[in-house]
């Protein structure tokens, strides 16, 4: 296995985790921050934009994990790198959105 397979699996985990809040917020009909808002990442984007952005993240995550190398879910190094990418993205999102929504009653 080449080193760049692990890089692809790491970013796949990050993209797949990032897809969740955008897609779910969009499906629920709620505006949510996205890179396309003004200001990017802080302003709110429409639910439609979030569904599209979540889907794009799902596609990129799928392509990175399923089309680069041979990812095996039972291969511990593959899963550790994939999980670490997802965990780091989840922590980053929780800090970022925690600051945005602190003190707001949603």
N, C-alpha and C. Protein backbone atom coordinates (compact mmCIF):
# COMPACT_ATOMS: atom_id res chain seq x y z
N UNK A 1 0.85 -1.18 0.00
CA UNK A 1 0.00 0.00 0.00
C UNK A 1 0.89 1.24 0.00
N UNK A 2 0.48 2.23 -0.75
CA UNK A 2 1.22 3.48 -0.84
C UNK A 2 0.77 4.45 0.24
N UNK A 3 1.65 5.36 0.62
CA UNK A 3 1.36 6.33 1.67
C UNK A 3 0.17 7.21 1.30
N UNK A 4 0.02 7.52 0.03
CA UNK A 4 -1.06 8.43 -0.36
C UNK A 4 -2.44 7.79 -0.23
N UNK A 5 -2.50 6.47 -0.13
CA UNK A 5 -3.78 5.82 0.16
C UNK A 5 -4.26 6.23 1.55
N UNK A 6 -3.33 6.28 2.49
CA UNK A 6 -3.70 6.69 3.85
C UNK A 6 -4.15 8.14 3.88
N UNK A 7 -3.54 9.00 3.10
CA UNK A 7 -3.96 10.40 3.02
C UNK A 7 -5.39 10.47 2.48
N UNK A 8 -5.67 9.68 1.46
CA UNK A 8 -7.02 9.65 0.88
C UNK A 8 -8.03 9.16 1.91
N UNK A 9 -7.69 8.13 2.68
CA UNK A 9 -8.62 7.60 3.68
C UNK A 9 -8.86 8.60 4.81
N UNK A 10 -7.80 9.33 5.20
CA UNK A 10 -7.93 10.36 6.22
C UNK A 10 -8.93 11.42 5.77
N UNK A 11 -8.74 11.94 4.56
CA UNK A 11 -9.63 12.99 4.07
C UNK A 11 -11.02 12.46 3.75
N UNK A 12 -11.12 11.19 3.41
CA UNK A 12 -12.43 10.59 3.21
C UNK A 12 -13.24 10.64 4.50
N UNK A 13 -12.61 10.27 5.61
CA UNK A 13 -13.29 10.34 6.91
C UNK A 13 -13.73 11.76 7.22
N UNK A 14 -12.88 12.73 6.91
CA UNK A 14 -13.21 14.13 7.17
C UNK A 14 -14.39 14.59 6.30
N UNK A 15 -14.37 14.26 5.02
CA UNK A 15 -15.46 14.66 4.13
C UNK A 15 -16.78 13.99 4.53
N UNK A 16 -16.74 12.72 4.90
CA UNK A 16 -17.97 12.04 5.25
C UNK A 16 -18.57 12.59 6.54
N UNK A 17 -17.74 12.94 7.51
CA UNK A 17 -18.26 13.55 8.74
C UNK A 17 -18.81 14.94 8.44
N UNK A 18 -18.13 15.70 7.60
CA UNK A 18 -18.60 17.05 7.26
C UNK A 18 -19.92 17.01 6.50
N UNK A 19 -20.20 15.94 5.80
CA UNK A 19 -21.45 15.83 5.05
C UNK A 19 -22.67 15.78 5.98
N UNK A 20 -22.51 15.21 7.15
CA UNK A 20 -23.64 14.96 8.03
C UNK A 20 -24.37 16.23 8.46
N UNK A 21 -23.71 17.22 9.08
CA UNK A 21 -24.50 18.38 9.54
C UNK A 21 -25.12 19.18 8.40
N UNK A 22 -24.41 19.27 7.27
CA UNK A 22 -24.96 20.02 6.15
C UNK A 22 -26.18 19.33 5.56
N UNK A 23 -26.06 18.04 5.32
CA UNK A 23 -27.16 17.30 4.71
C UNK A 23 -28.36 17.24 5.64
N UNK A 24 -28.13 16.94 6.91
CA UNK A 24 -29.24 16.82 7.87
C UNK A 24 -29.93 18.17 8.06
N UNK A 25 -29.16 19.23 8.23
CA UNK A 25 -29.79 20.55 8.39
C UNK A 25 -30.61 20.92 7.16
N UNK A 26 -30.07 20.62 5.98
CA UNK A 26 -30.81 20.91 4.76
C UNK A 26 -32.10 20.12 4.66
N UNK A 27 -32.04 18.84 4.98
CA UNK A 27 -33.24 17.99 4.91
C UNK A 27 -34.27 18.44 5.93
N UNK A 28 -33.82 18.94 7.08
CA UNK A 28 -34.75 19.44 8.09
C UNK A 28 -35.30 20.82 7.74
N UNK A 29 -34.79 21.41 6.66
CA UNK A 29 -35.28 22.71 6.23
C UNK A 29 -34.70 23.87 7.01
N UNK A 30 -33.56 23.64 7.66
CA UNK A 30 -32.95 24.68 8.48
C UNK A 30 -31.74 25.31 7.77
N UNK A 31 -31.61 26.62 7.85
CA UNK A 31 -30.40 27.24 7.33
C UNK A 31 -29.21 26.82 8.20
N UNK A 32 -28.04 26.74 7.61
CA UNK A 32 -26.85 26.28 8.32
C UNK A 32 -25.64 26.92 7.67
N UNK A 33 -24.59 27.23 8.44
CA UNK A 33 -23.39 27.83 7.86
C UNK A 33 -22.74 26.91 6.82
N UNK A 34 -22.26 27.51 5.76
CA UNK A 34 -21.54 26.75 4.74
C UNK A 34 -20.48 27.65 4.13
N UNK A 35 -19.58 27.10 3.32
CA UNK A 35 -18.56 27.93 2.67
C UNK A 35 -19.15 28.92 1.67
N UNK A 36 -20.41 28.77 1.32
CA UNK A 36 -21.03 29.64 0.32
C UNK A 36 -21.83 30.78 0.93
N UNK A 37 -21.86 30.83 2.27
CA UNK A 37 -22.59 31.90 2.96
C UNK A 37 -21.74 33.17 2.97
N UNK A 38 -22.36 34.26 3.42
CA UNK A 38 -21.63 35.51 3.56
C UNK A 38 -21.72 35.95 5.01
N UNK A 39 -20.66 35.99 5.77
CA UNK A 39 -19.29 35.55 5.45
C UNK A 39 -19.19 34.03 5.44
N UNK A 40 -18.26 33.49 4.65
CA UNK A 40 -18.12 32.03 4.52
C UNK A 40 -17.90 31.35 5.87
N UNK A 41 -18.69 30.32 6.12
CA UNK A 41 -18.55 29.55 7.35
C UNK A 41 -19.21 30.16 8.56
N UNK A 42 -19.69 31.39 8.44
CA UNK A 42 -20.35 32.05 9.57
C UNK A 42 -21.78 32.42 9.26
N UNK A 43 -22.02 32.91 8.06
CA UNK A 43 -23.38 33.24 7.65
C UNK A 43 -24.16 31.96 7.37
N UNK A 44 -25.44 32.11 7.22
CA UNK A 44 -26.29 30.94 7.00
C UNK A 44 -26.60 30.76 5.52
N UNK A 45 -26.52 29.52 5.07
CA UNK A 45 -26.90 29.17 3.70
C UNK A 45 -28.27 28.51 3.74
N UNK A 46 -28.95 28.54 2.63
CA UNK A 46 -30.29 27.95 2.54
C UNK A 46 -30.22 26.43 2.71
N UNK A 47 -31.33 25.83 3.09
CA UNK A 47 -31.38 24.38 3.19
C UNK A 47 -31.00 23.68 1.88
N UNK A 48 -31.40 24.24 0.75
CA UNK A 48 -31.07 23.63 -0.54
C UNK A 48 -29.56 23.61 -0.77
N UNK A 49 -28.90 24.72 -0.49
CA UNK A 49 -27.44 24.78 -0.63
C UNK A 49 -26.79 23.74 0.28
N UNK A 50 -27.30 23.58 1.48
CA UNK A 50 -26.72 22.62 2.41
C UNK A 50 -26.93 21.17 1.97
N UNK A 51 -28.08 20.87 1.40
CA UNK A 51 -28.29 19.51 0.87
C UNK A 51 -27.29 19.24 -0.25
N UNK A 52 -27.12 20.20 -1.13
CA UNK A 52 -26.18 20.03 -2.25
C UNK A 52 -24.75 19.91 -1.72
N UNK A 53 -24.36 20.77 -0.78
CA UNK A 53 -23.00 20.73 -0.23
C UNK A 53 -22.77 19.42 0.54
N UNK A 54 -23.75 18.97 1.28
CA UNK A 54 -23.63 17.68 1.97
C UNK A 54 -23.47 16.53 0.99
N UNK A 55 -24.22 16.56 -0.10
CA UNK A 55 -24.12 15.52 -1.12
C UNK A 55 -22.76 15.54 -1.80
N UNK A 56 -22.24 16.72 -2.09
CA UNK A 56 -20.90 16.83 -2.68
C UNK A 56 -19.86 16.23 -1.73
N UNK A 57 -19.98 16.52 -0.44
CA UNK A 57 -19.06 15.93 0.53
C UNK A 57 -19.18 14.41 0.57
N UNK A 58 -20.40 13.88 0.49
CA UNK A 58 -20.59 12.43 0.45
C UNK A 58 -19.92 11.81 -0.77
N UNK A 59 -20.08 12.45 -1.91
CA UNK A 59 -19.48 11.92 -3.14
C UNK A 59 -17.96 11.93 -3.05
N UNK A 60 -17.39 13.04 -2.58
CA UNK A 60 -15.92 13.12 -2.45
C UNK A 60 -15.42 12.07 -1.46
N UNK A 61 -16.11 11.95 -0.32
CA UNK A 61 -15.71 10.95 0.67
C UNK A 61 -15.77 9.54 0.11
N UNK A 62 -16.83 9.24 -0.63
CA UNK A 62 -16.97 7.93 -1.26
C UNK A 62 -15.84 7.68 -2.25
N UNK A 63 -15.58 8.64 -3.11
CA UNK A 63 -14.53 8.46 -4.12
C UNK A 63 -13.16 8.24 -3.47
N UNK A 64 -12.88 8.97 -2.40
CA UNK A 64 -11.58 8.82 -1.74
C UNK A 64 -11.42 7.47 -1.05
N UNK A 65 -12.48 6.97 -0.45
CA UNK A 65 -12.35 5.71 0.29
C UNK A 65 -12.55 4.48 -0.60
N UNK A 66 -13.37 4.59 -1.60
CA UNK A 66 -13.70 3.41 -2.41
C UNK A 66 -12.95 3.34 -3.73
N UNK A 67 -12.38 4.43 -4.18
CA UNK A 67 -11.73 4.42 -5.50
C UNK A 67 -10.22 4.65 -5.44
N UNK A 68 -9.68 4.90 -4.26
CA UNK A 68 -8.23 5.06 -4.11
C UNK A 68 -7.71 3.86 -3.35
N UNK A 69 -6.83 3.11 -3.96
CA UNK A 69 -6.29 1.92 -3.30
C UNK A 69 -7.36 0.87 -3.08
N UNK A 70 -7.11 0.02 -2.09
CA UNK A 70 -8.06 -1.03 -1.72
C UNK A 70 -8.36 -0.91 -0.24
N UNK A 71 -9.36 -0.11 0.10
CA UNK A 71 -9.76 0.08 1.49
C UNK A 71 -10.46 -1.18 1.98
N UNK A 72 -10.02 -1.65 3.15
CA UNK A 72 -10.65 -2.83 3.76
C UNK A 72 -11.10 -2.43 5.16
N UNK A 73 -12.38 -2.58 5.42
CA UNK A 73 -12.93 -2.16 6.71
C UNK A 73 -12.36 -3.00 7.87
N UNK A 74 -11.88 -4.19 7.58
CA UNK A 74 -11.30 -5.03 8.62
C UNK A 74 -9.79 -4.85 8.78
N UNK A 75 -9.23 -3.97 7.97
CA UNK A 75 -7.80 -3.68 8.06
C UNK A 75 -7.61 -2.54 9.05
N UNK A 76 -7.00 -2.84 10.19
CA UNK A 76 -6.90 -1.87 11.28
C UNK A 76 -6.21 -0.57 10.88
N UNK A 77 -5.08 -0.59 10.19
CA UNK A 77 -4.47 0.69 9.80
C UNK A 77 -5.39 1.55 8.92
N UNK A 78 -6.11 0.92 7.98
CA UNK A 78 -7.05 1.67 7.14
C UNK A 78 -8.12 2.35 8.00
N UNK A 79 -8.68 1.60 8.93
CA UNK A 79 -9.76 2.14 9.76
C UNK A 79 -9.27 3.20 10.75
N UNK A 80 -8.06 3.03 11.26
CA UNK A 80 -7.52 4.02 12.19
C UNK A 80 -7.35 5.36 11.48
N UNK A 81 -6.77 5.35 10.29
CA UNK A 81 -6.55 6.59 9.55
C UNK A 81 -7.89 7.21 9.15
N UNK A 82 -8.81 6.40 8.65
CA UNK A 82 -10.14 6.87 8.27
C UNK A 82 -10.86 7.47 9.49
N UNK A 83 -10.85 6.76 10.61
CA UNK A 83 -11.50 7.22 11.83
C UNK A 83 -10.87 8.48 12.39
N UNK A 84 -9.55 8.57 12.30
CA UNK A 84 -8.85 9.75 12.80
C UNK A 84 -9.23 10.99 11.99
N UNK A 85 -9.34 10.85 10.68
CA UNK A 85 -9.77 11.96 9.84
C UNK A 85 -11.18 12.42 10.21
N UNK A 86 -12.08 11.45 10.43
CA UNK A 86 -13.44 11.78 10.83
C UNK A 86 -13.50 12.42 12.21
N UNK A 87 -12.70 11.90 13.14
CA UNK A 87 -12.68 12.44 14.50
C UNK A 87 -12.16 13.87 14.51
N UNK A 88 -11.08 14.13 13.79
CA UNK A 88 -10.55 15.50 13.76
C UNK A 88 -11.55 16.47 13.14
N UNK A 89 -12.22 16.06 12.09
CA UNK A 89 -13.23 16.93 11.48
C UNK A 89 -14.38 17.17 12.46
N UNK A 90 -14.82 16.13 13.16
CA UNK A 90 -15.91 16.27 14.12
C UNK A 90 -15.53 17.25 15.24
N UNK A 91 -14.31 17.14 15.73
CA UNK A 91 -13.85 18.06 16.78
C UNK A 91 -13.78 19.50 16.26
N UNK A 92 -13.27 19.66 15.06
CA UNK A 92 -13.18 20.99 14.48
C UNK A 92 -14.58 21.60 14.27
N UNK A 93 -15.51 20.80 13.76
CA UNK A 93 -16.87 21.29 13.55
C UNK A 93 -17.55 21.64 14.87
N UNK A 94 -17.33 20.82 15.90
CA UNK A 94 -17.97 21.10 17.19
C UNK A 94 -17.45 22.40 17.78
N UNK A 95 -16.16 22.68 17.64
CA UNK A 95 -15.61 23.93 18.15
C UNK A 95 -16.11 25.12 17.33
N UNK A 96 -16.09 24.98 16.02
CA UNK A 96 -16.51 26.07 15.14
C UNK A 96 -17.98 26.41 15.34
N UNK A 97 -18.84 25.42 15.28
CA UNK A 97 -20.27 25.68 15.41
C UNK A 97 -20.66 25.97 16.85
N UNK A 98 -19.90 25.46 17.80
CA UNK A 98 -20.15 25.79 19.20
C UNK A 98 -19.97 27.27 19.46
N UNK A 99 -18.93 27.87 18.85
CA UNK A 99 -18.71 29.31 18.99
C UNK A 99 -19.83 30.11 18.31
N UNK A 100 -20.30 29.63 17.17
CA UNK A 100 -21.35 30.34 16.45
C UNK A 100 -22.68 30.32 17.19
N UNK A 101 -22.99 29.18 17.80
CA UNK A 101 -24.30 29.01 18.43
C UNK A 101 -24.30 29.22 19.93
N UNK A 102 -23.17 29.55 20.51
CA UNK A 102 -23.09 29.74 21.96
C UNK A 102 -24.06 30.83 22.40
N UNK A 103 -24.88 30.50 23.36
CA UNK A 103 -25.82 31.47 23.91
C UNK A 103 -27.10 31.63 23.11
N UNK A 104 -27.25 30.90 22.03
CA UNK A 104 -28.48 31.01 21.25
C UNK A 104 -29.41 29.86 21.60
N UNK A 105 -30.66 30.14 21.74
CA UNK A 105 -31.64 29.09 21.98
C UNK A 105 -32.18 28.64 20.63
N UNK A 106 -31.77 27.46 20.22
CA UNK A 106 -32.23 26.96 18.92
C UNK A 106 -33.44 26.15 19.08
